Amino acid sequence: MKLCDFDFDLPEALIATRPARPRRAARLLVAEGDALTDSSVADLGNWLRAGDRLVLNDTRVIPARLSGRRARAGGQGARIEVTLLEPQADGTWSALVKPLRKLREGEAVVFSDTLSAVLEGREAGRARLRFNLEGADFDAALDAAGAMPLPPYIATRRPADDRDREDYQTVWARRPGAVAAPTASLHFDEVVLADLAARGVGFSHVTLHVGAGTFLPVKVEDITTHRMHAEWGEVSARAAAEIAATKAAGGRVIPVGTTALRLIETAARATGKVRPWQGETDIFIYPGFEFRVTDALMTNFHLPKSTLMMLVSALMGSARIRAIYAHAIAGRYRFFSYGDASLLIPA
């Protein structure tokens, strides 16, 4: 399989820079077997059955983009831009720093009256930062000083603002740690959740802290040689039991978003059934992958040549996905993180 097999032409005007309001007003393209139906997220319940289970990623996006200045005696230091990537076991943070060459090890960057960090090291273009605060104090200071880490294709068109603090967060976000949102989940609001619950649809929460690596391009032509970035996740004993009970009762397990799908498929690799699981996953799903848990998927429309295009092609078949995306482009669906959604139900 070649990288070019997952390419397509997307008009720039279809890249969404703001979400639909209200959230449930987003459009929903339902691909069930060979049929395609234009619907809306508000009507998602019409496509689900009592006994189905949605798997939801409860990660919480942190305001991971920081702007500060180098702390230099005798004058104002150079401006430094930081994007936090992930916390390390020793209490430091892995981060992208621009310009990293202007910062010496041991130097501090001041982001606000309460928040600063010292460069402790660098490796492979990444910085290792130690902040002056920890725990709840760090979370509060970061919330005050940081901005939401919008995807590159939005950030190049406009800066993050206060609206993004709500828009780029799911209504059930609970566990801080992501630097990118599980975007299919952004379409849900309390109205949709209440409607689905009334119809007998169940919900299970899992956690996958989405990393900045989700935006990295695939650089190899032979996709089988691509190596995925690792992300931390957890499937609790409760979630595993709920998924098993749904399967046993004949219900469908439907992850909302590719992050939830990757996590439950990771947790099922050993036995074919979802077990309680915790750790880092770098699972790479492309055509030929054997799905052991997933019966359908709700997801947004993805970037050309991305690993997520490979994932949905694995679920639906490459030819089918090409037809689905051609329909979406012709129908002026909105693409990527703030765009519309699809419900993919394999034949």
C-alpha atoms as a PDB file:
ATOM      1  CA  MET A   1       0.000   0.000   0.000  1.00  0.00           C
ATOM      2  CA  LYS A   2       1.265   3.404  -1.020  1.00  0.00           C
ATOM      3  CA  LEU A   3       0.726   6.778   0.587  1.00  0.00           C
ATOM      4  CA  CYS A   4      -0.794   8.121  -2.613  1.00  0.00           C
ATOM      5  CA  ASP A   5      -3.623   5.583  -2.267  1.00  0.00           C
ATOM      6  CA  PHE A   6      -5.026   7.744   0.558  1.00  0.00           C
ATOM      7  CA  ASP A   7      -4.812  11.111  -1.184  1.00  0.00           C
ATOM      8  CA  PHE A   8      -7.704  13.239  -2.432  1.00  0.00           C
ATOM      9  CA  ASP A   9      -8.321  16.824  -3.528  1.00  0.00           C
ATOM     10  CA  LEU A  10     -10.108  18.979  -0.948  1.00  0.00           C
ATOM     11  CA  PRO A  11     -11.251  22.535  -1.691  1.00  0.00           C
ATOM     12  CA  GLU A  12      -9.755  24.851   0.918  1.00  0.00           C
ATOM     13  CA  ALA A  13     -13.165  26.448   1.475  1.00  0.00           C
ATOM     14  CA  LEU A  14     -14.396  23.204   3.075  1.00  0.00           C
ATOM     15  CA  ILE A  15     -11.871  23.363   5.940  1.00  0.00           C
ATOM     16  CA  ALA A  16     -13.865  24.510   8.974  1.00  0.00           C
ATOM     17  CA  THR A  17     -12.335  27.120  11.275  1.00  0.00           C
ATOM     18  CA  ARG A  18     -15.332  27.328  13.635  1.00  0.00           C
ATOM     19  CA  PRO A  19     -17.737  24.579  14.735  1.00  0.00           C
ATOM     20  CA  ALA A  20     -21.457  24.458  14.119  1.00  0.00           C
ATOM     21  CA  ARG A  21     -23.600  26.118  16.782  1.00  0.00           C
ATOM     22  CA  PRO A  22     -25.322  24.498  18.517  1.00  0.00           C
ATOM     23  CA  ARG A  23     -23.042  21.476  18.405  1.00  0.00           C
ATOM     24  CA  ARG A  24     -25.833  19.127  17.326  1.00  0.00           C
ATOM     25  CA  ALA A  25     -26.480  21.284  14.233  1.00  0.00           C
ATOM     26  CA  ALA A  26     -23.449  19.713  12.536  1.00  0.00           C
ATOM     27  CA  ARG A  27     -24.245  17.584   9.525  1.00  0.00           C
ATOM     28  CA  LEU A  28     -23.903  13.805   9.676  1.00  0.00           C
ATOM     29  CA  LEU A  29     -23.183  11.637   6.640  1.00  0.00           C
ATOM     30  CA  VAL A  30     -24.390   8.111   7.368  1.00  0.00           C
ATOM     31  CA  ALA A  31     -22.675   5.348   5.400  1.00  0.00           C
ATOM     32  CA  GLU A  32     -24.498   2.091   6.100  1.00  0.00           C
ATOM     33  CA  GLY A  33     -23.448  -0.731   3.828  1.00  0.00           C
ATOM     34  CA  ASP A  34     -23.740   0.628   0.290  1.00  0.00           C
ATOM     35  CA  ALA A  35     -26.185   3.411   1.208  1.00  0.00           C
ATOM     36  CA  LEU A  36     -25.306   7.055   1.866  1.00  0.00           C
ATOM     37  CA  THR A  37     -27.746   9.332   3.696  1.00  0.00           C
ATOM     38  CA  ASP A  38     -27.404  13.020   4.547  1.00  0.00           C
ATOM     39  CA  SER A  39     -28.518  13.584   8.124  1.00  0.00           C
ATOM     40  CA  SER A  40     -27.544  15.655  11.171  1.00  0.00           C
ATOM     41  CA  VAL A  41     -25.993  14.965  14.567  1.00  0.00           C
ATOM     42  CA  ALA A  42     -29.289  16.002  16.161  1.00  0.00           C
ATOM     43  CA  ASP A  43     -30.838  12.938  14.491  1.00  0.00           C
ATOM     44  CA  LEU A  44     -28.084  10.499  15.454  1.00  0.00           C
ATOM     45  CA  GLY A  45     -30.547   8.502  17.547  1.00  0.00           C
ATOM     46  CA  ASN A  46     -32.461   7.549  14.405  1.00  0.00           C
ATOM     47  CA  TRP A  47     -29.451   5.505  13.294  1.00  0.00           C
ATOM     48  CA  LEU A  48     -28.783   3.731  16.582  1.00  0.00           C
ATOM     49  CA  ARG A  49     -30.665   0.961  18.344  1.00  0.00           C
ATOM     50  CA  ALA A  50     -31.568   0.263  21.952  1.00  0.00           C
ATOM     51  CA  GLY A  51     -28.710  -1.783  23.356  1.00  0.00           C
ATOM     52  CA  ASP A  52     -26.008  -0.079  21.279  1.00  0.00           C
ATOM     53  CA  ARG A  53     -23.085   1.411  23.207  1.00  0.00           C
ATOM     54  CA  LEU A  54     -21.110   4.541  22.381  1.00  0.00           C
ATOM     55  CA  VAL A  55     -17.515   4.589  23.639  1.00  0.00           C
ATOM     56  CA  LEU A  56     -16.485   8.131  24.594  1.00  0.00           C
ATOM     57  CA  ASN A  57     -13.000   9.511  25.208  1.00  0.00           C
ATOM     58  CA  ASP A  58     -13.081  11.615  28.398  1.00  0.00           C
ATOM     59  CA  THR A  59      -9.658  13.217  27.999  1.00  0.00           C
ATOM     60  CA  ARG A  60      -9.513  16.960  28.679  1.00  0.00           C
ATOM     61  CA  VAL A  61      -7.525  19.291  26.431  1.00  0.00           C
ATOM     62  CA  ILE A  62      -5.096  21.503  28.324  1.00  0.00           C
ATOM     63  CA  PRO A  63      -4.355  25.090  27.152  1.00  0.00           C
ATOM     64  CA  ALA A  64      -0.958  23.891  25.962  1.00  0.00           C
ATOM     65  CA  ARG A  65       0.191  26.915  23.942  1.00  0.00           C
ATOM     66  CA  LEU A  66       2.209  29.455  25.930  1.00  0.00           C
ATOM     67  CA  SER A  67       3.885  32.718  24.992  1.00  0.00           C
ATOM     68  CA  GLY A  68       6.627  34.122  27.232  1.00  0.00           C
ATOM     69  CA  ARG A  69       9.944  35.879  27.366  1.00  0.00           C
ATOM     70  CA  ARG A  70      13.409  34.740  28.255  1.00  0.00           C
ATOM     71  CA  ALA A  71      14.327  35.908  31.758  1.00  0.00           C
ATOM     72  CA  ARG A  72      17.421  38.027  31.188  1.00  0.00           C
ATOM     73  CA  ALA A  73      18.910  40.551  33.590  1.00  0.00           C
ATOM     74  CA  GLY A  74      19.150  44.124  32.358  1.00  0.00           C
ATOM     75  CA  GLY A  75      16.416  44.065  29.774  1.00  0.00           C
ATOM     76  CA  GLN A  76      13.526  42.314  28.119  1.00  0.00           C
ATOM     77  CA  GLY A  77      14.450  38.883  26.789  1.00  0.00           C
ATOM     78  CA  ALA A  78      13.482  37.373  23.453  1.00  0.00           C
ATOM     79  CA  ARG A  79       9.926  36.146  22.966  1.00  0.00           C
ATOM     80  CA  ILE A  80       9.593  32.369  23.293  1.00  0.00           C
ATOM     81  CA  GLU A  81       6.637  30.308  22.047  1.00  0.00           C
ATOM     82  CA  VAL A  82       5.980  26.949  23.734  1.00  0.00           C
ATOM     83  CA  THR A  83       3.644  24.091  22.903  1.00  0.00           C
ATOM     84  CA  LEU A  84       3.455  21.479  25.645  1.00  0.00           C
ATOM     85  CA  LEU A  85       3.465  17.897  24.396  1.00  0.00           C
ATOM     86  CA  GLU A  86       3.390  15.527  27.351  1.00  0.00           C
ATOM     87  CA  PRO A  87       4.454  15.269  31.002  1.00  0.00           C
ATOM     88  CA  GLN A  88       7.482  13.131  31.848  1.00  0.00           C
ATOM     89  CA  ALA A  89       7.973  10.740  34.755  1.00  0.00           C
ATOM     90  CA  ASP A  90      10.522  13.079  36.379  1.00  0.00           C
ATOM     91  CA  GLY A  91       8.029  15.957  36.585  1.00  0.00           C
ATOM     92  CA  THR A  92       9.279  17.847  33.520  1.00  0.00           C
ATOM     93  CA  TRP A  93       7.323  18.494  30.319  1.00  0.00           C
ATOM     94  CA  SER A  94       8.302  17.610  26.771  1.00  0.00           C
ATOM     95  CA  ALA A  95       7.609  20.661  24.614  1.00  0.00           C
ATOM     96  CA  LEU A  96       8.170  22.334  21.281  1.00  0.00           C
ATOM     97  CA  VAL A  97       9.974  25.659  21.774  1.00  0.00           C
ATOM     98  CA  LYS A  98      10.378  28.378  19.151  1.00  0.00           C
ATOM     99  CA  PRO A  99      13.087  29.514  18.778  1.00  0.00           C
ATOM    100  CA  LEU A 100      14.811  26.775  20.758  1.00  0.00           C
ATOM    101  CA  ARG A 101      18.253  27.956  19.623  1.00  0.00           C
ATOM    102  CA  LYS A 102      17.816  31.194  21.594  1.00  0.00           C
ATOM    103  CA  LEU A 103      17.303  29.391  24.893  1.00  0.00           C
ATOM    104  CA  ARG A 104      20.233  28.004  26.878  1.00  0.00           C
ATOM    105  CA  GLU A 105      19.971  25.139  29.341  1.00  0.00           C
ATOM    106  CA  GLY A 106      19.294  26.514  32.809  1.00  0.00           C
ATOM    107  CA  GLU A 107      17.578  29.620  31.444  1.00  0.00           C
ATOM    108  CA  ALA A 108      14.052  30.500  32.501  1.00  0.00           C
ATOM    109  CA  VAL A 109      11.056  31.591  30.426  1.00  0.00           C
ATOM    110  CA  VAL A 110       8.431  33.739  32.150  1.00  0.00           C
ATOM    111  CA  PHE A 111       4.861  33.281  30.934  1.00  0.00           C
ATOM    112  CA  SER A 112       2.950  35.242  33.588  1.00  0.00           C
ATOM    113  CA  ASP A 113       3.319  36.681  37.079  1.00  0.00           C
ATOM    114  CA  THR A 114       2.889  33.172  38.487  1.00  0.00           C
ATOM    115  CA  LEU A 115       4.109  30.768  35.795  1.00  0.00           C
ATOM    116  CA  SER A 116       7.648  30.181  34.518  1.00  0.00           C
ATOM    117  CA  ALA A 117       9.786  27.266  33.355  1.00  0.00           C
ATOM    118  CA  VAL A 118      13.465  26.384  33.095  1.00  0.00           C
ATOM    119  CA  LEU A 119      15.016  24.560  30.137  1.00  0.00           C
ATOM    120  CA  GLU A 120      16.601  21.386  31.546  1.00  0.00           C
ATOM    121  CA  GLY A 121      17.567  19.733  28.276  1.00  0.00           C
ATOM    122  CA  ARG A 122      16.776  19.109  24.629  1.00  0.00           C
ATOM    123  CA  GLU A 123      16.542  16.054  22.424  1.00  0.00           C
ATOM    124  CA  ALA A 124      15.480  15.482  18.810  1.00  0.00           C
ATOM    125  CA  GLY A 125      14.209  19.030  18.456  1.00  0.00           C
ATOM    126  CA  ARG A 126      12.154  18.886  21.644  1.00  0.00           C
ATOM    127  CA  ALA A 127      12.771  20.750  24.878  1.00  0.00           C
ATOM    128  CA  ARG A 128      12.471  19.430  28.410  1.00  0.00           C
ATOM    129  CA  LEU A 129      10.971  22.098  30.670  1.00  0.00           C
ATOM    130  CA  ARG A 130      10.552  22.176  34.427  1.00  0.00           C
ATOM    131  CA  PHE A 131       7.847  24.516  35.664  1.00  0.00           C
ATOM    132  CA  ASN A 132       7.911  26.429  38.931  1.00  0.00           C
ATOM    133  CA  LEU A 133       4.539  25.030  39.994  1.00  0.00           C
ATOM    134  CA  GLU A 134       2.989  21.587  40.384  1.00  0.00           C
ATOM    135  CA  GLY A 135      -0.420  20.003  40.827  1.00  0.00           C
ATOM    136  CA  ALA A 136      -3.469  22.233  41.170  1.00  0.00           C
ATOM    137  CA  ASP A 137      -1.329  25.391  41.296  1.00  0.00           C
ATOM    138  CA  PHE A 138       0.211  24.514  37.926  1.00  0.00           C
ATOM    139  CA  ASP A 139      -3.199  23.684  36.413  1.00  0.00           C
ATOM    140  CA  ALA A 140      -4.623  27.041  37.540  1.00  0.00           C
ATOM    141  CA  ALA A 141      -1.644  29.048  36.281  1.00  0.00           C
ATOM    142  CA  LEU A 142      -1.623  27.192  32.947  1.00  0.00           C
ATOM    143  CA  ASP A 143      -5.345  27.780  32.529  1.00  0.00           C
ATOM    144  CA  ALA A 144      -4.807  31.502  33.035  1.00  0.00           C
ATOM    145  CA  ALA A 145      -1.732  31.876  30.802  1.00  0.00           C
ATOM    146  CA  GLY A 146      -2.224  29.252  28.097  1.00  0.00           C
ATOM    147  CA  ALA A 147      -4.231  29.090  24.877  1.00  0.00           C
ATOM    148  CA  MET A 148      -5.975  26.118  23.318  1.00  0.00           C
ATOM    149  CA  PRO A 149      -3.679  24.185  20.937  1.00  0.00           C
ATOM    150  CA  LEU A 150      -5.713  24.438  17.754  1.00  0.00           C
ATOM    151  CA  PRO A 151      -4.700  22.182  14.844  1.00  0.00           C
ATOM    152  CA  PRO A 152      -2.197  23.715  12.404  1.00  0.00           C
ATOM    153  CA  TYR A 153      -4.758  24.078   9.615  1.00  0.00           C
ATOM    154  CA  ILE A 154      -6.854  26.316  11.902  1.00  0.00           C
ATOM    155  CA  ALA A 155      -4.000  28.075  13.706  1.00  0.00           C
ATOM    156  CA  THR A 156      -2.570  29.321  10.389  1.00  0.00           C
ATOM    157  CA  ARG A 157      -5.903  30.976   9.592  1.00  0.00           C
ATOM    158  CA  ARG A 158      -6.691  32.595  12.954  1.00  0.00           C
ATOM    159  CA  PRO A 159      -5.419  32.659  16.552  1.00  0.00           C
ATOM    160  CA  ALA A 160      -7.107  30.735  19.344  1.00  0.00           C
ATOM    161  CA  ASP A 161      -9.545  32.797  21.409  1.00  0.00           C
ATOM    162  CA  ASP A 162     -11.899  32.461  24.366  1.00  0.00           C
ATOM    163  CA  ARG A 163     -14.546  30.716  22.245  1.00  0.00           C
ATOM    164  CA  ASP A 164     -12.123  27.867  21.606  1.00  0.00           C
ATOM    165  CA  ARG A 165     -11.861  27.140  25.335  1.00  0.00           C
ATOM    166  CA  GLU A 166     -15.432  25.872  25.112  1.00  0.00           C
ATOM    167  CA  ASP A 167     -15.617  24.804  21.470  1.00  0.00           C
ATOM    168  CA  TYR A 168     -12.445  22.662  21.565  1.00  0.00           C
ATOM    169  CA  GLN A 169     -13.534  20.682  24.627  1.00  0.00           C
ATOM    170  CA  THR A 170     -16.066  17.868  24.909  1.00  0.00           C
ATOM    171  CA  VAL A 171     -18.987  18.279  27.305  1.00  0.00           C
ATOM    172  CA  TRP A 172     -17.797  15.207  29.247  1.00  0.00           C
ATOM    173  CA  ALA A 173     -14.064  16.111  29.367  1.00  0.00           C
ATOM    174  CA  ARG A 174     -12.738  14.992  32.748  1.00  0.00           C
ATOM    175  CA  ARG A 175      -9.071  13.905  32.779  1.00  0.00           C
ATOM    176  CA  PRO A 176      -6.562  16.627  31.757  1.00  0.00           C
ATOM    177  CA  GLY A 177      -3.703  15.587  29.518  1.00  0.00           C
ATOM    178  CA  ALA A 178      -4.565  15.981  25.824  1.00  0.00           C
ATOM    179  CA  VAL A 179      -3.048  18.570  23.507  1.00  0.00           C
ATOM    180  CA  ALA A 180      -5.592  17.826  20.783  1.00  0.00           C
ATOM    181  CA  ALA A 181      -9.310  17.171  21.108  1.00  0.00           C
ATOM    182  CA  PRO A 182     -11.149  13.929  20.280  1.00  0.00           C
ATOM    183  CA  THR A 183     -12.982  15.921  17.660  1.00  0.00           C
ATOM    184  CA  ALA A 184     -15.883  13.616  16.769  1.00  0.00           C
ATOM    185  CA  SER A 185     -17.032  14.079  20.366  1.00  0.00           C
ATOM    186  CA  LEU A 186     -17.243  17.852  19.951  1.00  0.00           C
ATOM    187  CA  HIS A 187     -20.614  17.397  18.192  1.00  0.00           C
ATOM    188  CA  PHE A 188     -22.376  16.157  21.329  1.00  0.00           C
ATOM    189  CA  ASP A 189     -24.320  18.315  23.750  1.00  0.00           C
ATOM    190  CA  GLU A 190     -26.651  17.501  26.634  1.00  0.00           C
ATOM    191  CA  VAL A 191     -29.678  17.435  24.321  1.00  0.00           C
ATOM    192  CA  VAL A 192     -28.177  14.726  22.114  1.00  0.00           C
ATOM    193  CA  LEU A 193     -26.952  12.700  25.108  1.00  0.00           C
ATOM    194  CA  ALA A 194     -30.389  12.814  26.749  1.00  0.00           C
ATOM    195  CA  ASP A 195     -32.103  11.744  23.518  1.00  0.00           C
ATOM    196  CA  LEU A 196     -29.761   8.792  23.058  1.00  0.00           C
ATOM    197  CA  ALA A 197     -30.145   7.674  26.675  1.00  0.00           C
ATOM    198  CA  ALA A 198     -33.939   7.803  26.315  1.00  0.00           C
ATOM    199  CA  ARG A 199     -33.647   5.512  23.284  1.00  0.00           C
ATOM    200  CA  GLY A 200     -31.692   2.914  25.284  1.00  0.00           C
ATOM    201  CA  VAL A 201     -28.211   3.713  23.992  1.00  0.00           C
ATOM    202  CA  GLY A 202     -25.461   3.132  26.562  1.00  0.00           C
ATOM    203  CA  PHE A 203     -22.260   5.101  27.154  1.00  0.00           C
ATOM    204  CA  SER A 204     -18.827   3.977  28.322  1.00  0.00           C
ATOM    205  CA  HIS A 205     -15.979   6.364  29.082  1.00  0.00           C
ATOM    206  CA  VAL A 206     -12.347   5.567  28.308  1.00  0.00           C
ATOM    207  CA  THR A 207      -9.296   7.846  28.275  1.00  0.00           C
ATOM    208  CA  LEU A 208      -6.736   8.433  25.537  1.00  0.00           C
ATOM    209  CA  HIS A 209      -4.638  11.582  25.923  1.00  0.00           C
ATOM    210  CA  VAL A 210      -4.366  12.753  22.332  1.00  0.00           C
ATOM    211  CA  GLY A 211      -0.858  14.013  21.534  1.00  0.00           C
ATOM    212  CA  ALA A 212       0.493  16.548  19.069  1.00  0.00           C
ATOM    213  CA  GLY A 213       1.777  13.612  17.023  1.00  0.00           C
ATOM    214  CA  THR A 214      -1.746  13.154  15.710  1.00  0.00           C
ATOM    215  CA  PHE A 215      -0.993  16.042  13.302  1.00  0.00           C
ATOM    216  CA  LEU A 216       2.357  14.701  12.079  1.00  0.00           C
ATOM    217  CA  PRO A 217       2.363  13.796   8.370  1.00  0.00           C
ATOM    218  CA  VAL A 218       3.192  10.349   7.084  1.00  0.00           C
ATOM    219  CA  LYS A 219       6.560  10.722   5.349  1.00  0.00           C
ATOM    220  CA  VAL A 220       7.091   7.232   3.893  1.00  0.00           C
ATOM    221  CA  GLU A 221       5.607   6.086   0.592  1.00  0.00           C
ATOM    222  CA  ASP A 222       5.234   2.484   1.816  1.00  0.00           C
ATOM    223  CA  ILE A 223       2.765   3.062   4.639  1.00  0.00           C
ATOM    224  CA  THR A 224       3.497  -0.300   6.280  1.00  0.00           C
ATOM    225  CA  THR A 225       6.858   1.125   7.379  1.00  0.00           C
ATOM    226  CA  HIS A 226       5.304   4.120   9.169  1.00  0.00           C
ATOM    227  CA  ARG A 227       5.722   4.264  12.940  1.00  0.00           C
ATOM    228  CA  MET A 228       2.938   5.782  15.002  1.00  0.00           C
ATOM    229  CA  HIS A 229       3.458   8.157  17.907  1.00  0.00           C
ATOM    230  CA  ALA A 230       2.600   6.682  21.312  1.00  0.00           C
ATOM    231  CA  GLU A 231      -0.243   8.029  23.443  1.00  0.00           C
ATOM    232  CA  TRP A 232      -1.250   7.156  27.003  1.00  0.00           C
ATOM    233  CA  GLY A 233      -4.637   5.568  27.551  1.00  0.00           C
ATOM    234  CA  GLU A 234      -6.772   3.601  29.974  1.00  0.00           C
ATOM    235  CA  VAL A 235      -9.766   1.291  29.718  1.00  0.00           C
ATOM    236  CA  SER A 236     -11.227   0.836  33.181  1.00  0.00           C
ATOM    237  CA  ALA A 237     -12.613  -2.434  34.502  1.00  0.00           C
ATOM    238  CA  ARG A 238     -16.072  -0.862  34.405  1.00  0.00           C
ATOM    239  CA  ALA A 239     -15.785   0.174  30.758  1.00  0.00           C
ATOM    240  CA  ALA A 240     -14.430  -3.248  29.763  1.00  0.00           C
ATOM    241  CA  ALA A 241     -17.330  -4.976  31.548  1.00  0.00           C
ATOM    242  CA  GLU A 242     -19.909  -2.694  29.903  1.00  0.00           C
ATOM    243  CA  ILE A 243     -18.488  -3.353  26.444  1.00  0.00           C
ATOM    244  CA  ALA A 244     -18.431  -7.106  27.075  1.00  0.00           C
ATOM    245  CA  ALA A 245     -22.047  -7.046  28.281  1.00  0.00           C
ATOM    246  CA  THR A 246     -23.115  -5.108  25.179  1.00  0.00           C
ATOM    247  CA  LYS A 247     -21.422  -7.644  22.918  1.00  0.00           C
ATOM    248  CA  ALA A 248     -22.972 -10.566  24.791  1.00  0.00           C
ATOM    249  CA  ALA A 249     -26.440  -9.029  24.461  1.00  0.00           C
ATOM    250  CA  GLY A 250     -26.076  -8.489  20.705  1.00  0.00           C
ATOM    251  CA  GLY A 251     -25.644  -4.721  20.855  1.00  0.00           C
ATOM    252  CA  ARG A 252     -23.189  -2.781  18.734  1.00  0.00           C
ATOM    253  CA  VAL A 253     -20.052  -1.158  20.129  1.00  0.00           C
ATOM    254  CA  ILE A 254     -19.534   2.206  18.426  1.00  0.00           C
ATOM    255  CA  PRO A 255     -16.532   4.329  19.383  1.00  0.00           C
ATOM    256  CA  VAL A 256     -16.992   8.060  18.957  1.00  0.00           C
ATOM    257  CA  GLY A 257     -13.760   9.102  17.309  1.00  0.00           C
ATOM    258  CA  THR A 258     -10.660   7.329  16.124  1.00  0.00           C
ATOM    259  CA  THR A 259      -8.966   7.803  19.515  1.00  0.00           C
ATOM    260  CA  ALA A 260     -11.593   5.733  21.318  1.00  0.00           C
ATOM    261  CA  LEU A 261     -11.437   3.137  18.539  1.00  0.00           C
ATOM    262  CA  ARG A 262      -7.653   2.811  18.701  1.00  0.00           C
ATOM    263  CA  LEU A 263      -7.803   2.405  22.456  1.00  0.00           C
ATOM    264  CA  ILE A 264     -10.428  -0.342  22.637  1.00  0.00           C
ATOM    265  CA  GLU A 265      -8.804  -2.222  19.775  1.00  0.00           C
ATOM    266  CA  THR A 266      -5.492  -2.007  21.664  1.00  0.00           C
ATOM    267  CA  ALA A 267      -7.171  -3.391  24.777  1.00  0.00           C
ATOM    268  CA  ALA A 268      -8.557  -6.311  22.748  1.00  0.00           C
ATOM    269  CA  ARG A 269      -5.363  -7.311  20.924  1.00  0.00           C
ATOM    270  CA  ALA A 270      -4.339 -10.038  23.370  1.00  0.00           C
ATOM    271  CA  THR A 271      -7.587 -11.985  23.688  1.00  0.00           C
ATOM    272  CA  GLY A 272     -10.004 -10.622  21.094  1.00  0.00           C
ATOM    273  CA  LYS A 273     -12.109  -9.081  23.867  1.00  0.00           C
ATOM    274  CA  VAL A 274     -11.691  -5.748  25.619  1.00  0.00           C
ATOM    275  CA  ARG A 275      -9.910  -6.176  28.952  1.00  0.00           C
ATOM    276  CA  PRO A 276      -8.992  -3.528  31.543  1.00  0.00           C
ATOM    277  CA  TRP A 277      -5.884  -1.892  30.145  1.00  0.00           C
ATOM    278  CA  GLN A 278      -3.522   0.998  30.883  1.00  0.00           C
ATOM    279  CA  GLY A 279      -0.363   2.159  29.151  1.00  0.00           C
ATOM    280  CA  GLU A 280       0.936   3.666  25.922  1.00  0.00           C
ATOM    281  CA  THR A 281      -0.457   2.581  22.586  1.00  0.00           C
ATOM    282  CA  ASP A 282       1.089   3.121  19.160  1.00  0.00           C
ATOM    283  CA  ILE A 283      -1.365   0.897  17.319  1.00  0.00           C
ATOM    284  CA  PHE A 284      -1.439   1.629  13.575  1.00  0.00           C
ATOM    285  CA  ILE A 285      -4.635   0.671  11.775  1.00  0.00           C
ATOM    286  CA  TYR A 286      -4.602   0.439   7.992  1.00  0.00           C
ATOM    287  CA  PRO A 287      -6.362  -1.810   5.419  1.00  0.00           C
ATOM    288  CA  GLY A 288      -6.020  -5.460   6.364  1.00  0.00           C
ATOM    289  CA  PHE A 289      -6.451  -4.773  10.083  1.00  0.00           C
ATOM    290  CA  GLU A 290      -8.736  -7.183  11.933  1.00  0.00           C
ATOM    291  CA  PHE A 291     -11.258  -5.297  14.079  1.00  0.00           C
ATOM    292  CA  ARG A 292     -12.156  -7.272  17.183  1.00  0.00           C
ATOM    293  CA  VAL A 293     -14.517  -4.917  19.011  1.00  0.00           C
ATOM    294  CA  THR A 294     -15.629  -2.067  16.755  1.00  0.00           C
ATOM    295  CA  ASP A 295     -18.970  -2.491  14.970  1.00  0.00           C
ATOM    296  CA  ALA A 296     -19.255   1.057  13.609  1.00  0.00           C
ATOM    297  CA  LEU A 297     -17.548   4.423  14.042  1.00  0.00           C
ATOM    298  CA  MET A 298     -18.607   8.034  14.364  1.00  0.00           C
ATOM    299  CA  THR A 299     -15.823  10.286  13.155  1.00  0.00           C
ATOM    300  CA  ASN A 300     -15.050  13.563  11.390  1.00  0.00           C
ATOM    301  CA  PHE A 301     -13.665  13.895   7.859  1.00  0.00           C
ATOM    302  CA  HIS A 302      -9.891  13.522   7.838  1.00  0.00           C
ATOM    303  CA  LEU A 303      -6.804  14.928   6.134  1.00  0.00           C
ATOM    304  CA  PRO A 304      -5.526  13.421   2.893  1.00  0.00           C
ATOM    305  CA  LYS A 305      -2.662  10.942   3.322  1.00  0.00           C
ATOM    306  CA  SER A 306      -3.220  10.816   7.096  1.00  0.00           C
ATOM    307  CA  THR A 307      -3.165   7.761   9.340  1.00  0.00           C
ATOM    308  CA  LEU A 308      -6.813   8.479  10.099  1.00  0.00           C
ATOM    309  CA  MET A 309      -7.702   8.116   6.403  1.00  0.00           C
ATOM    310  CA  MET A 310      -5.956   4.751   6.561  1.00  0.00           C
ATOM    311  CA  LEU A 311      -7.981   3.797   9.636  1.00  0.00           C
ATOM    312  CA  VAL A 312     -11.388   4.556   8.112  1.00  0.00           C
ATOM    313  CA  SER A 313     -10.285   2.802   4.919  1.00  0.00           C
ATOM    314  CA  ALA A 314      -9.502  -0.272   7.009  1.00  0.00           C
ATOM    315  CA  LEU A 315     -12.984  -0.180   8.520  1.00  0.00           C
ATOM    316  CA  MET A 316     -15.036   0.493   5.388  1.00  0.00           C
ATOM    317  CA  GLY A 317     -12.747  -0.515   2.522  1.00  0.00           C
ATOM    318  CA  SER A 318     -10.641   1.880   0.456  1.00  0.00           C
ATOM    319  CA  ALA A 319     -13.018   2.075  -2.511  1.00  0.00           C
ATOM    320  CA  ARG A 320     -15.985   2.706  -0.219  1.00  0.00           C
ATOM    321  CA  ILE A 321     -14.186   5.497   1.639  1.00  0.00           C
ATOM    322  CA  ARG A 322     -13.291   7.179  -1.642  1.00  0.00           C
ATOM    323  CA  ALA A 323     -16.983   7.177  -2.583  1.00  0.00           C
ATOM    324  CA  ILE A 324     -17.988   8.503   0.856  1.00  0.00           C
ATOM    325  CA  TYR A 325     -15.481  11.349   0.661  1.00  0.00           C
ATOM    326  CA  ALA A 326     -16.461  12.195  -2.920  1.00  0.00           C
ATOM    327  CA  HIS A 327     -20.084  12.500  -1.729  1.00  0.00           C
ATOM    328  CA  ALA A 328     -19.017  14.676   1.211  1.00  0.00           C
ATOM    329  CA  ILE A 329     -17.006  17.036  -0.998  1.00  0.00           C
ATOM    330  CA  ALA A 330     -19.766  17.293  -3.584  1.00  0.00           C
ATOM    331  CA  GLY A 331     -22.264  17.949  -0.781  1.00  0.00           C
ATOM    332  CA  ARG A 332     -20.096  20.695   0.756  1.00  0.00           C
ATOM    333  CA  TYR A 333     -19.601  18.949   4.085  1.00  0.00           C
ATOM    334  CA  ARG A 334     -17.179  20.766   6.381  1.00  0.00           C
ATOM    335  CA  PHE A 335     -13.869  18.981   7.039  1.00  0.00           C
ATOM    336  CA  PHE A 336     -11.391  18.332   9.866  1.00  0.00           C
ATOM    337  CA  SER A 337     -11.526  19.140  13.592  1.00  0.00           C
ATOM    338  CA  TYR A 338     -14.333  21.712  13.590  1.00  0.00           C
ATOM    339  CA  GLY A 339     -16.124  20.149  10.636  1.00  0.00           C
ATOM    340  CA  ASP A 340     -19.081  17.817  10.174  1.00  0.00           C
ATOM    341  CA  ALA A 341     -19.297  14.131  11.083  1.00  0.00           C
ATOM    342  CA  SER A 342     -19.816  10.736   9.534  1.00  0.00           C
ATOM    343  CA  LEU A 343     -21.314   7.543  10.918  1.00  0.00           C
ATOM    344  CA  LEU A 344     -19.554   4.619   9.301  1.00  0.00           C
ATOM    345  CA  ILE A 345     -21.398   1.283   9.541  1.00  0.00           C
ATOM    346  CA  PRO A 346     -19.613  -1.511   7.633  1.00  0.00           C
ATOM    347  CA  ALA A 347     -21.678  -3.926   5.581  1.00  0.00           C
END
